[in-house]
Amino acid sequence: MPTPQQHFGSTPEPVDMFDALPQQQQSAQVQPMQQPLAAQPAASPMPTISPEPLMNQGEMNIPTTPPRKKKKIILLCVLLVVCMLIGVGAYAGYSFYYSPQRVAKKTIENFLQIKTVAYAVDITPEFVADQPSFMPVLGHGLSGIRATIAGHSDMRDQDNPRGTADVSLYMSDSRGGEEIYSFETKSIDHSLYLNISRGPSFPSFPSDKVENQWIELNTQKLAETFPLPRNIKNKLENVKQSKLTNEQKQQLKNAFVQHPFISLGQRVGAEDIHGVKTNHYTTTVDKEVLKAFLQTVQSILNNGIVSSEKIDEFLQDFDHASAVQFDVWIGKKDYQLYQWKLVVPIDTQSFKSLSVTGQLWDHNVSVDIAAPEDAVPLDEFIQTAFGIDINALTKESTPTPEVENVNDDDVTVSEETTTTNGDRDSDADGLSDEDEQQYGTDPKNLDSDSDGYTDWEEVEYGYNPMGAGALPASDE
């Protein structure tokens, strides 16, 4: 190799650096391209200031995830799976808990347990066109009518239920005329109390004497003051004798629960009613379940009022009511009925439809319904307001012959009774003894088949007085 003096003292010629290397090193420079990396001699240690190489003896060093980070990823995956399971379970539970079938069942059960409740009802018919007015103040045709009823019901004592009702009737004509009637009632034990707050606007109506005055109508006293016709009185007595027992009432409740003929349809929204969150549902009626329910009612009552023929007739009429709309609003938490709306199409010349909306609230909240302290008996009120002495009128009237010992098979008459044609009528039911013989009925029993209707009533309206069904054609 030349000395430094020689090197710097002359101008060097261009030298190929590859050629300048010894032959052994040249071959070493070419060899790596022809041989695998594994055959290459070990590399010399790199200076400590250089970064650590990614290649070490022909193998790649791939960065690995620290163990702590792996645990976090696994834990996150587990949490996601748990959340998914909880979500699916919550949805399944919600679907079951708020399923229409379960909601309907619990609502029916709760409805049958109601003892006290506040209520409001709105009845609004829709007219086809203005109707002839039957009120003098509405002389331009009746264009609208609406009735509202609101009050409380107390059924804690089933033998003597109590209730209140505020009733208002609104009527209007096509030119803006309006007539409003309103009154309040209370029903307590055997008395009905009436207070007319706004009566007719007739000039001859004594509003100053009638309005804002509580009137007491005692049903027992009225029966004594105004004797009912014999057939009506006996019919009421039959109804009284056929009063449902507690066992029958419970059987009817059970039948209503076991035959849920009203099914909830789609949930169409949610609303707040009297401060309670409710769900709004449409409803459908299962005709077969309804028929089974009516047949069960028939077997429980067993008094002929609900006959198989009447059930079939009702179901036939029901087929024509397919367009009836019935929606309900049920509390989300307590499953109580808070509102219902019924819309019935009416295909007549006068009306298009009838809409009835009802609300219930304060379920089973204690209520005190007391008789008004300043109530005046009906006879005193009529004497004061109209100058008519009812007691004097009833004393002057001819007494009606009474039927004594009205039983199923034995009827005796205190006086000779006849029909309007003068024929003998031993049981005073309106049918002569001769007619009774023709129809095969008992001339000494005004209700031969004990169905709650007198023999005359059934014959008059085309029913068989000796059993269920229509009057045979041969007897008409």
Protein backbone atom coordinates (compact mmCIF):
# COMPACT_ATOMS: atom_id res chain seq x y z
CA MET A 1 0.00 0.00 0.00
CA PRO A 2 1.49 3.46 -0.87
CA THR A 3 2.61 5.71 1.85
CA PRO A 4 0.64 8.82 2.72
CA GLN A 5 3.28 11.00 1.15
CA GLN A 6 3.06 9.11 -2.11
CA HIS A 7 -0.69 9.18 -2.10
CA PHE A 8 -1.10 12.87 -1.47
CA GLY A 9 1.88 13.81 -3.60
CA SER A 10 0.40 12.63 -6.88
CA THR A 11 -2.92 12.83 -8.58
CA PRO A 12 -4.65 9.45 -8.15
CA GLU A 13 -6.43 7.80 -11.02
CA PRO A 14 -10.07 6.73 -10.66
CA VAL A 15 -10.27 3.46 -8.87
CA ASP A 16 -13.21 1.03 -8.78
CA MET A 17 -13.80 0.35 -5.13
CA PHE A 18 -15.04 -3.16 -5.82
CA ASP A 19 -11.88 -3.91 -7.81
CA ALA A 20 -9.77 -2.44 -5.08
CA LEU A 21 -10.97 -5.05 -2.60
CA PRO A 22 -9.02 -8.24 -2.26
CA GLN A 23 -10.29 -11.18 -4.30
CA GLN A 24 -11.47 -13.00 -1.23
CA GLN A 25 -13.65 -10.09 -0.14
CA GLN A 26 -15.10 -9.66 -3.64
CA SER A 27 -16.31 -13.19 -3.66
CA ALA A 28 -17.79 -12.63 -0.21
CA GLN A 29 -19.76 -9.64 -1.53
CA VAL A 30 -21.34 -11.69 -4.30
CA GLN A 31 -21.96 -14.83 -2.28
CA PRO A 32 -24.99 -13.60 -0.25
CA MET A 33 -27.05 -13.27 -3.42
CA GLN A 34 -26.39 -16.90 -4.32
CA GLN A 35 -26.61 -18.64 -0.98
CA PRO A 36 -29.28 -18.74 1.70
CA LEU A 37 -29.00 -16.37 4.58
CA ALA A 38 -28.37 -19.21 6.92
CA ALA A 39 -25.05 -19.95 5.17
CA GLN A 40 -23.79 -16.46 5.73
CA PRO A 41 -21.18 -15.97 8.45
CA ALA A 42 -22.29 -14.39 11.67
CA ALA A 43 -22.48 -10.64 11.48
CA SER A 44 -20.15 -8.51 13.53
CA PRO A 45 -21.66 -6.81 16.55
CA MET A 46 -23.27 -3.52 15.69
CA PRO A 47 -22.30 -0.38 17.48
CA THR A 48 -24.36 0.21 20.59
CA ILE A 49 -25.57 3.52 19.23
CA SER A 50 -27.36 1.84 16.32
CA PRO A 51 -30.99 0.59 16.71
CA GLU A 52 -31.53 -3.12 17.24
CA PRO A 53 -31.88 -4.87 13.90
CA LEU A 54 -35.16 -6.59 12.97
CA MET A 55 -33.25 -9.40 11.30
CA ASN A 56 -31.27 -11.85 13.39
CA GLN A 57 -29.71 -14.80 11.70
CA GLY A 58 -32.25 -14.80 8.89
CA GLU A 59 -35.42 -14.75 11.16
CA MET A 60 -37.98 -11.91 11.59
CA ASN A 61 -38.75 -10.60 15.09
CA ILE A 62 -42.61 -9.88 15.04
CA PRO A 63 -43.78 -7.61 17.89
CA THR A 64 -46.05 -9.48 20.36
CA THR A 65 -49.05 -8.14 22.46
CA PRO A 66 -48.23 -7.70 26.11
CA PRO A 67 -50.09 -10.16 28.40
CA ARG A 68 -51.91 -7.36 30.22
CA LYS A 69 -53.43 -6.03 26.98
CA LYS A 70 -54.56 -9.55 26.03
CA LYS A 71 -56.50 -9.83 29.30
CA LYS A 72 -58.26 -6.53 28.62
CA ILE A 73 -59.37 -7.67 25.16
CA ILE A 74 -60.71 -10.97 26.51
CA LEU A 75 -62.52 -9.18 29.30
CA LEU A 76 -64.08 -6.76 26.81
CA CYS A 77 -65.34 -9.65 24.65
CA VAL A 78 -66.85 -11.36 27.68
CA LEU A 79 -68.62 -8.15 28.68
CA LEU A 80 -70.03 -7.75 25.17
CA VAL A 81 -71.42 -11.30 25.21
CA VAL A 82 -72.94 -10.77 28.67
CA CYS A 83 -74.56 -7.53 27.55
CA MET A 84 -76.01 -9.25 24.50
CA LEU A 85 -77.45 -12.04 26.65
CA ILE A 86 -78.92 -9.53 29.09
CA GLY A 87 -80.45 -7.56 26.21
CA VAL A 88 -82.01 -10.65 24.65
CA GLY A 89 -83.33 -11.78 28.05
CA ALA A 90 -84.73 -8.34 28.81
CA TYR A 91 -86.48 -8.20 25.45
CA ALA A 92 -87.94 -11.67 25.94
CA GLY A 93 -89.07 -10.76 29.45
CA TYR A 94 -90.60 -7.50 28.26
CA SER A 95 -92.39 -9.29 25.41
CA PHE A 96 -93.88 -11.78 27.86
CA TYR A 97 -94.62 -9.29 30.62
CA TYR A 98 -96.41 -6.88 28.26
CA SER A 99 -97.83 -9.46 25.87
CA PRO A 100 -101.44 -8.64 24.85
CA GLN A 101 -102.70 -11.97 26.23
CA ARG A 102 -101.20 -11.41 29.67
CA VAL A 103 -102.26 -7.75 29.80
CA ALA A 104 -105.84 -8.65 28.82
CA LYS A 105 -106.08 -11.40 31.45
CA LYS A 106 -104.76 -9.23 34.28
CA THR A 107 -106.96 -6.30 33.22
CA ILE A 108 -110.10 -8.47 33.31
CA GLU A 109 -109.15 -9.86 36.71
CA ASN A 110 -108.55 -6.36 38.11
CA PHE A 111 -111.74 -5.00 36.56
CA LEU A 112 -113.82 -7.63 38.34
CA GLN A 113 -112.26 -6.61 41.65
CA ILE A 114 -113.30 -2.96 41.39
CA LYS A 115 -115.50 -1.84 44.31
CA THR A 116 -115.34 1.94 43.96
CA VAL A 117 -114.46 4.02 40.92
CA ALA A 118 -114.92 7.43 39.35
CA TYR A 119 -116.22 7.47 35.79
CA ALA A 120 -117.10 9.71 32.86
CA VAL A 121 -118.96 8.83 29.66
CA ASP A 122 -119.36 10.88 26.48
CA ILE A 123 -122.04 9.85 23.95
CA THR A 124 -121.98 11.57 20.57
CA PRO A 125 -124.02 10.49 17.51
CA GLU A 126 -123.05 11.72 14.05
CA PHE A 127 -125.96 12.89 11.90
CA VAL A 128 -126.28 12.36 8.18
CA ALA A 129 -127.95 15.78 7.86
CA ASP A 130 -129.96 18.20 9.94
CA GLN A 131 -132.83 16.39 11.61
CA PRO A 132 -136.32 17.76 12.39
CA SER A 133 -136.18 19.47 15.75
CA PHE A 134 -138.41 18.29 18.54
CA MET A 135 -137.56 21.28 20.73
CA PRO A 136 -139.29 24.65 20.18
CA VAL A 137 -136.08 26.57 20.77
CA LEU A 138 -134.38 24.61 17.98
CA GLY A 139 -136.59 25.51 15.08
CA HIS A 140 -134.03 25.19 12.29
CA GLY A 141 -133.24 21.49 12.38
CA LEU A 142 -131.24 19.49 14.87
CA SER A 143 -127.59 19.41 13.73
CA GLY A 144 -125.83 18.09 16.81
CA ILE A 145 -126.49 16.28 20.05
CA ARG A 146 -124.19 15.11 22.82
CA ALA A 147 -124.66 13.63 26.28
CA THR A 148 -122.10 13.47 29.09
CA ILE A 149 -122.32 11.53 32.34
CA ALA A 150 -119.80 11.69 35.19
CA GLY A 151 -119.85 10.49 38.78
CA HIS A 152 -118.83 7.82 41.27
CA SER A 153 -119.88 4.24 41.82
CA ASP A 154 -119.68 2.46 45.19
CA MET A 155 -120.36 -1.29 45.05
CA ARG A 156 -118.85 -2.30 48.38
CA ASP A 157 -122.33 -3.28 49.59
CA GLN A 158 -123.69 -5.34 46.71
CA ASP A 159 -127.18 -5.45 48.20
CA ASN A 160 -127.35 -1.64 48.40
CA PRO A 161 -124.98 -0.10 45.85
CA ARG A 162 -124.55 3.66 45.80
CA GLY A 163 -123.75 6.03 42.99
CA THR A 164 -123.75 9.58 41.71
CA ALA A 165 -124.19 10.94 38.19
CA ASP A 166 -123.93 14.43 36.71
CA VAL A 167 -125.80 14.35 33.40
CA SER A 168 -125.72 17.01 30.70
CA LEU A 169 -127.47 17.02 27.33
CA TYR A 170 -126.38 19.41 24.59
CA MET A 171 -128.42 20.06 21.43
CA SER A 172 -127.77 22.54 18.65
CA ASP A 173 -129.32 23.54 15.34
CA SER A 174 -127.85 24.59 12.01
CA ARG A 175 -128.13 28.31 12.83
CA GLY A 176 -126.33 28.29 16.13
CA GLY A 177 -129.29 27.71 18.42
CA GLU A 178 -128.45 25.65 21.50
CA GLU A 179 -130.38 23.88 24.23
CA ILE A 180 -128.70 22.48 27.35
CA TYR A 181 -130.21 20.32 30.07
CA SER A 182 -128.31 19.22 33.14
CA PHE A 183 -129.18 17.41 36.33
CA GLU A 184 -127.52 15.44 39.12
CA THR A 185 -128.62 12.17 40.66
CA LYS A 186 -127.71 10.12 43.72
CA SER A 187 -128.73 6.54 44.30
CA ILE A 188 -128.67 5.43 47.94
CA ASP A 189 -130.37 2.31 49.27
CA HIS A 190 -134.02 2.45 48.09
CA SER A 191 -134.05 6.15 47.22
CA LEU A 192 -133.14 8.11 44.11
CA TYR A 193 -132.33 11.80 44.55
CA LEU A 194 -132.68 14.24 41.66
CA ASN A 195 -131.49 17.83 41.34
CA ILE A 196 -132.29 19.67 38.10
CA SER A 197 -129.69 22.39 37.64
CA ARG A 198 -130.82 23.50 34.18
CA GLY A 199 -134.19 22.57 32.73
CA PRO A 200 -135.97 23.31 29.44
CA SER A 201 -136.15 26.92 28.34
CA PHE A 202 -139.90 26.78 27.78
CA PRO A 203 -141.68 29.92 28.95
CA SER A 204 -144.18 27.78 30.85
CA PHE A 205 -141.54 25.72 32.65
CA PRO A 206 -141.35 26.79 36.34
CA SER A 207 -137.58 26.86 36.49
CA ASP A 208 -137.57 28.96 39.66
CA LYS A 209 -139.49 26.24 41.52
CA VAL A 210 -137.85 23.19 39.98
CA GLU A 211 -134.20 24.00 39.47
CA ASN A 212 -131.53 23.56 42.17
CA GLN A 213 -133.83 21.59 44.46
CA TRP A 214 -133.09 18.05 45.62
CA ILE A 215 -136.08 15.73 45.15
CA GLU A 216 -136.32 12.33 46.82
CA LEU A 217 -137.94 9.44 44.97
CA ASN A 218 -138.37 6.54 47.37
CA THR A 219 -139.01 3.43 45.31
CA GLN A 220 -140.93 1.67 48.06
CA LYS A 221 -143.16 4.67 48.67
CA LEU A 222 -143.69 5.18 44.95
CA ALA A 223 -144.87 1.58 44.63
CA GLU A 224 -147.45 2.26 47.31
CA THR A 225 -148.50 5.63 45.88
CA PHE A 226 -148.63 4.55 42.24
CA PRO A 227 -149.68 0.90 42.09
CA LEU A 228 -148.21 -0.80 39.04
CA PRO A 229 -150.31 -2.88 36.66
CA ARG A 230 -150.56 -6.44 37.81
CA ASN A 231 -148.50 -8.00 35.04
CA ILE A 232 -145.64 -5.51 35.52
CA LYS A 233 -145.72 -5.88 39.27
CA ASN A 234 -145.61 -9.67 39.05
CA LYS A 235 -142.81 -9.47 36.51
CA LEU A 236 -140.77 -7.28 38.86
CA GLU A 237 -141.47 -9.76 41.64
CA ASN A 238 -140.18 -12.58 39.47
CA VAL A 239 -137.04 -10.59 38.74
CA LYS A 240 -136.58 -9.98 42.44
CA GLN A 241 -136.99 -13.68 43.20
CA SER A 242 -134.49 -14.57 40.49
CA LYS A 243 -131.84 -12.32 42.01
CA LEU A 244 -128.39 -13.75 41.62
CA THR A 245 -126.85 -15.50 44.57
CA ASN A 246 -123.28 -14.80 45.64
CA GLU A 247 -122.31 -18.18 44.22
CA GLN A 248 -123.83 -17.33 40.84
CA LYS A 249 -122.07 -13.97 40.82
CA GLN A 250 -118.74 -15.66 41.42
CA GLN A 251 -119.48 -18.22 38.71
CA LEU A 252 -120.22 -15.43 36.24
CA LYS A 253 -116.93 -13.71 37.13
CA ASN A 254 -115.04 -16.96 36.62
CA ALA A 255 -116.77 -17.50 33.28
CA PHE A 256 -115.76 -14.02 32.16
CA VAL A 257 -112.12 -14.72 33.05
CA GLN A 258 -112.10 -18.20 31.51
CA HIS A 259 -113.64 -17.03 28.24
CA PRO A 260 -111.69 -13.90 27.19
CA PHE A 261 -113.70 -13.20 24.04
CA ILE A 262 -112.21 -9.71 23.81
CA SER A 263 -108.57 -9.94 22.69
CA LEU A 264 -106.09 -7.09 22.64
CA GLY A 265 -104.67 -6.31 19.22
CA GLN A 266 -101.84 -4.00 18.33
CA ARG A 267 -100.39 -1.47 20.76
CA VAL A 268 -100.89 1.81 18.90
CA GLY A 269 -99.45 4.30 21.38
CA ALA A 270 -99.13 5.54 24.93
CA GLU A 271 -101.02 8.33 26.71
CA ASP A 272 -101.35 9.89 30.15
CA ILE A 273 -104.91 9.66 31.50
CA HIS A 274 -105.63 11.33 34.83
CA GLY A 275 -101.89 11.35 35.54
CA VAL A 276 -101.42 7.63 34.83
CA LYS A 277 -99.27 6.28 31.98
CA THR A 278 -101.34 3.94 29.82
CA ASN A 279 -100.93 1.84 26.68
CA HIS A 280 -103.47 2.19 23.88
CA TYR A 281 -104.63 -1.09 22.28
CA THR A 282 -107.04 -2.05 19.56
CA THR A 283 -109.31 -5.03 20.24
CA THR A 284 -110.93 -7.93 18.42
CA VAL A 285 -113.81 -10.19 19.43
CA ASP A 286 -113.56 -13.97 19.04
CA LYS A 287 -117.04 -15.11 18.05
CA GLU A 288 -116.54 -18.74 19.09
CA VAL A 289 -115.23 -17.78 22.53
CA LEU A 290 -118.13 -15.34 22.89
CA LYS A 291 -120.59 -18.11 22.08
CA ALA A 292 -118.98 -20.40 24.67
CA PHE A 293 -119.20 -17.60 27.25
CA LEU A 294 -122.90 -17.00 26.56
CA GLN A 295 -123.62 -20.71 26.81
CA THR A 296 -121.85 -20.80 30.17
CA VAL A 297 -123.93 -17.83 31.33
CA GLN A 298 -127.05 -19.66 30.19
CA SER A 299 -126.17 -22.71 32.31
CA ILE A 300 -125.40 -20.54 35.35
CA LEU A 301 -128.61 -18.49 35.23
CA ASN A 302 -130.84 -21.35 34.13
CA ASN A 303 -133.90 -19.10 34.05
CA GLY A 304 -134.82 -19.01 30.38
CA ILE A 305 -133.80 -15.36 29.96
CA VAL A 306 -130.68 -16.39 28.01
CA SER A 307 -131.93 -19.14 25.71
CA SER A 308 -130.07 -20.96 22.94
CA GLU A 309 -132.28 -19.29 20.35
CA LYS A 310 -131.49 -15.85 21.73
CA ILE A 311 -127.77 -16.65 21.70
CA ASP A 312 -127.91 -17.67 18.04
CA GLU A 313 -129.94 -14.57 17.20
CA PHE A 314 -127.44 -12.35 18.96
CA LEU A 315 -124.50 -13.96 17.16
CA GLN A 316 -126.22 -13.45 13.81
CA ASP A 317 -126.66 -9.78 14.61
CA PHE A 318 -123.04 -9.70 15.74
CA ASP A 319 -121.89 -10.70 12.25
CA HIS A 320 -123.25 -7.42 10.95
CA ALA A 321 -121.19 -5.47 13.50
CA SER A 322 -117.78 -6.32 12.03
CA ALA A 323 -117.04 -2.64 11.44
CA VAL A 324 -117.41 -1.80 15.13
CA GLN A 325 -114.25 -0.21 16.54
CA PHE A 326 -113.40 -0.76 20.21
CA ASP A 327 -110.15 0.57 21.71
CA VAL A 328 -108.94 0.45 25.30
CA TRP A 329 -106.32 2.27 27.35
CA ILE A 330 -104.73 0.14 30.11
CA GLY A 331 -102.38 1.26 32.89
CA LYS A 332 -98.76 0.24 32.30
CA LYS A 333 -98.12 -0.67 35.94
CA ASP A 334 -101.47 -1.51 37.56
CA TYR A 335 -103.24 -3.11 34.54
CA GLN A 336 -106.43 -1.17 35.24
CA LEU A 337 -108.80 -0.02 32.53
CA TYR A 338 -108.61 3.78 32.29
CA GLN A 339 -110.36 4.54 29.02
CA TRP A 340 -112.39 2.85 26.28
CA LYS A 341 -113.86 4.09 23.04
CA LEU A 342 -116.62 2.43 21.03
CA VAL A 343 -117.51 3.57 17.51
CA VAL A 344 -120.56 1.87 15.96
CA PRO A 345 -121.51 2.53 12.32
CA ILE A 346 -125.25 3.14 11.95
CA ASP A 347 -126.66 2.74 8.48
CA THR A 348 -129.85 4.78 8.75
CA GLN A 349 -131.29 7.86 7.09
CA SER A 350 -130.63 9.94 10.19
CA PHE A 351 -127.32 8.75 11.66
CA LYS A 352 -123.88 7.83 10.36
CA SER A 353 -122.34 6.49 13.55
CA LEU A 354 -122.44 6.51 17.33
CA SER A 355 -119.32 7.23 19.36
CA VAL A 356 -119.15 6.36 23.07
CA THR A 357 -116.04 7.17 25.12
CA GLY A 358 -115.67 6.24 28.77
CA GLN A 359 -113.03 6.87 31.40
CA LEU A 360 -112.37 5.25 34.77
CA TRP A 361 -110.03 6.45 37.49
CA ASP A 362 -109.55 6.34 41.28
CA HIS A 363 -109.98 2.58 41.22
CA ASN A 364 -110.89 1.27 44.69
CA VAL A 365 -110.35 4.68 46.28
CA SER A 366 -112.75 5.18 49.18
CA VAL A 367 -115.67 7.50 48.39
CA ASP A 368 -118.45 8.83 50.62
CA ILE A 369 -121.85 9.13 48.94
CA ALA A 370 -124.36 10.66 51.34
CA ALA A 371 -127.98 11.65 50.91
CA PRO A 372 -128.64 15.39 50.50
CA GLU A 373 -129.87 16.92 53.73
CA ASP A 374 -132.38 19.29 52.12
CA ALA A 375 -134.12 16.74 49.86
CA VAL A 376 -137.90 17.09 49.52
CA PRO A 377 -140.15 14.03 48.97
CA LEU A 378 -141.63 13.83 45.48
CA ASP A 379 -145.25 14.32 46.57
CA GLU A 380 -144.37 17.48 48.51
CA PHE A 381 -142.35 18.81 45.59
CA ILE A 382 -145.20 18.31 43.11
CA GLN A 383 -147.65 19.91 45.54
CA THR A 384 -145.38 22.96 45.94
CA ALA A 385 -144.24 23.36 42.33
CA PHE A 386 -147.45 22.46 40.46
CA GLY A 387 -150.20 22.57 43.10
CA ILE A 388 -151.14 18.91 42.57
CA ASP A 389 -151.97 16.64 45.50
CA ILE A 390 -150.83 13.19 44.44
CA ASN A 391 -152.14 11.51 47.57
CA ALA A 392 -155.65 12.84 46.92
CA LEU A 393 -155.51 11.61 43.34
CA THR A 394 -154.47 8.12 44.33
CA LYS A 395 -157.18 7.89 46.98
CA GLU A 396 -159.87 8.76 44.46
CA SER A 397 -158.64 6.23 41.92
CA THR A 398 -160.29 2.79 41.76
CA PRO A 399 -158.12 0.09 43.30
CA THR A 400 -156.78 -2.55 40.95
CA PRO A 401 -157.61 -6.15 41.80
CA GLU A 402 -154.56 -7.82 43.24
CA VAL A 403 -153.19 -11.29 42.57
CA GLU A 404 -152.33 -13.09 45.77
CA ASN A 405 -149.94 -15.97 46.41
CA VAL A 406 -148.24 -15.83 43.04
CA ASN A 407 -146.36 -19.11 42.84
CA ASP A 408 -145.28 -21.35 40.00
CA ASP A 409 -148.28 -23.64 40.22
CA ASP A 410 -150.86 -21.93 42.42
CA VAL A 411 -152.45 -18.56 41.72
CA THR A 412 -155.59 -17.27 43.42
CA VAL A 413 -157.40 -14.05 42.61
CA SER A 414 -158.95 -11.82 45.25
CA GLU A 415 -161.58 -10.50 42.81
CA GLU A 416 -163.12 -11.64 39.56
CA THR A 417 -160.76 -10.59 36.74
CA THR A 418 -161.51 -10.32 33.05
CA THR A 419 -159.70 -9.40 29.86
CA THR A 420 -160.50 -6.28 27.84
CA ASN A 421 -163.05 -8.37 25.93
CA GLY A 422 -164.83 -9.37 29.13
CA ASP A 423 -163.60 -12.97 29.13
CA ARG A 424 -162.61 -14.63 32.37
CA ASP A 425 -158.90 -14.31 33.24
CA SER A 426 -158.22 -16.33 36.39
CA ASP A 427 -154.51 -15.46 36.73
CA ALA A 428 -154.86 -11.82 35.53
CA ASP A 429 -152.02 -12.15 33.04
CA GLY A 430 -153.97 -10.67 30.12
CA LEU A 431 -154.84 -14.00 28.48
CA SER A 432 -158.38 -15.31 28.91
CA ASP A 433 -158.86 -18.78 30.33
CA GLU A 434 -160.08 -19.86 26.89
CA ASP A 435 -156.86 -18.57 25.27
CA GLU A 436 -154.81 -20.26 27.97
CA GLN A 437 -156.43 -23.55 27.03
CA GLN A 438 -155.65 -22.93 23.34
CA TYR A 439 -151.94 -22.27 24.02
CA GLY A 440 -151.67 -25.08 26.56
CA THR A 441 -150.77 -22.71 29.41
CA ASP A 442 -151.95 -22.82 33.00
CA PRO A 443 -154.95 -20.45 33.50
CA LYS A 444 -153.98 -20.14 37.16
CA ASN A 445 -150.33 -19.31 36.56
CA LEU A 446 -149.49 -16.05 34.86
CA ASP A 447 -146.00 -17.37 33.88
CA SER A 448 -146.49 -21.01 32.93
CA ASP A 449 -142.89 -21.69 31.89
CA SER A 450 -141.34 -19.59 34.71
CA ASP A 451 -139.05 -17.64 32.38
CA GLY A 452 -139.77 -14.21 33.86
CA TYR A 453 -142.31 -13.18 31.22
CA THR A 454 -146.10 -13.49 31.56
CA ASP A 455 -148.00 -15.76 29.21
CA TRP A 456 -149.69 -12.74 27.61
CA GLU A 457 -146.35 -11.00 26.96
CA GLU A 458 -144.88 -14.03 25.24
CA VAL A 459 -147.94 -14.58 23.06
CA GLU A 460 -148.19 -10.87 22.24
CA TYR A 461 -144.58 -10.71 21.00
CA GLY A 462 -144.55 -14.07 19.24
CA TYR A 463 -142.75 -16.24 21.81
CA ASN A 464 -143.72 -19.67 23.07
CA PRO A 465 -145.38 -19.29 26.51
CA MET A 466 -144.63 -22.95 27.31
CA GLY A 467 -140.89 -22.93 26.64
CA ALA A 468 -138.03 -21.45 24.65
CA GLY A 469 -138.29 -20.28 21.09
CA ALA A 470 -140.87 -18.63 18.93
CA LEU A 471 -144.59 -19.27 19.10
CA PRO A 472 -145.50 -22.28 16.98
CA ALA A 473 -147.06 -21.29 13.67
CA SER A 474 -150.20 -23.31 14.40
CA ASP A 475 -150.88 -21.23 17.51
CA GLU A 476 -150.42 -17.81 15.93
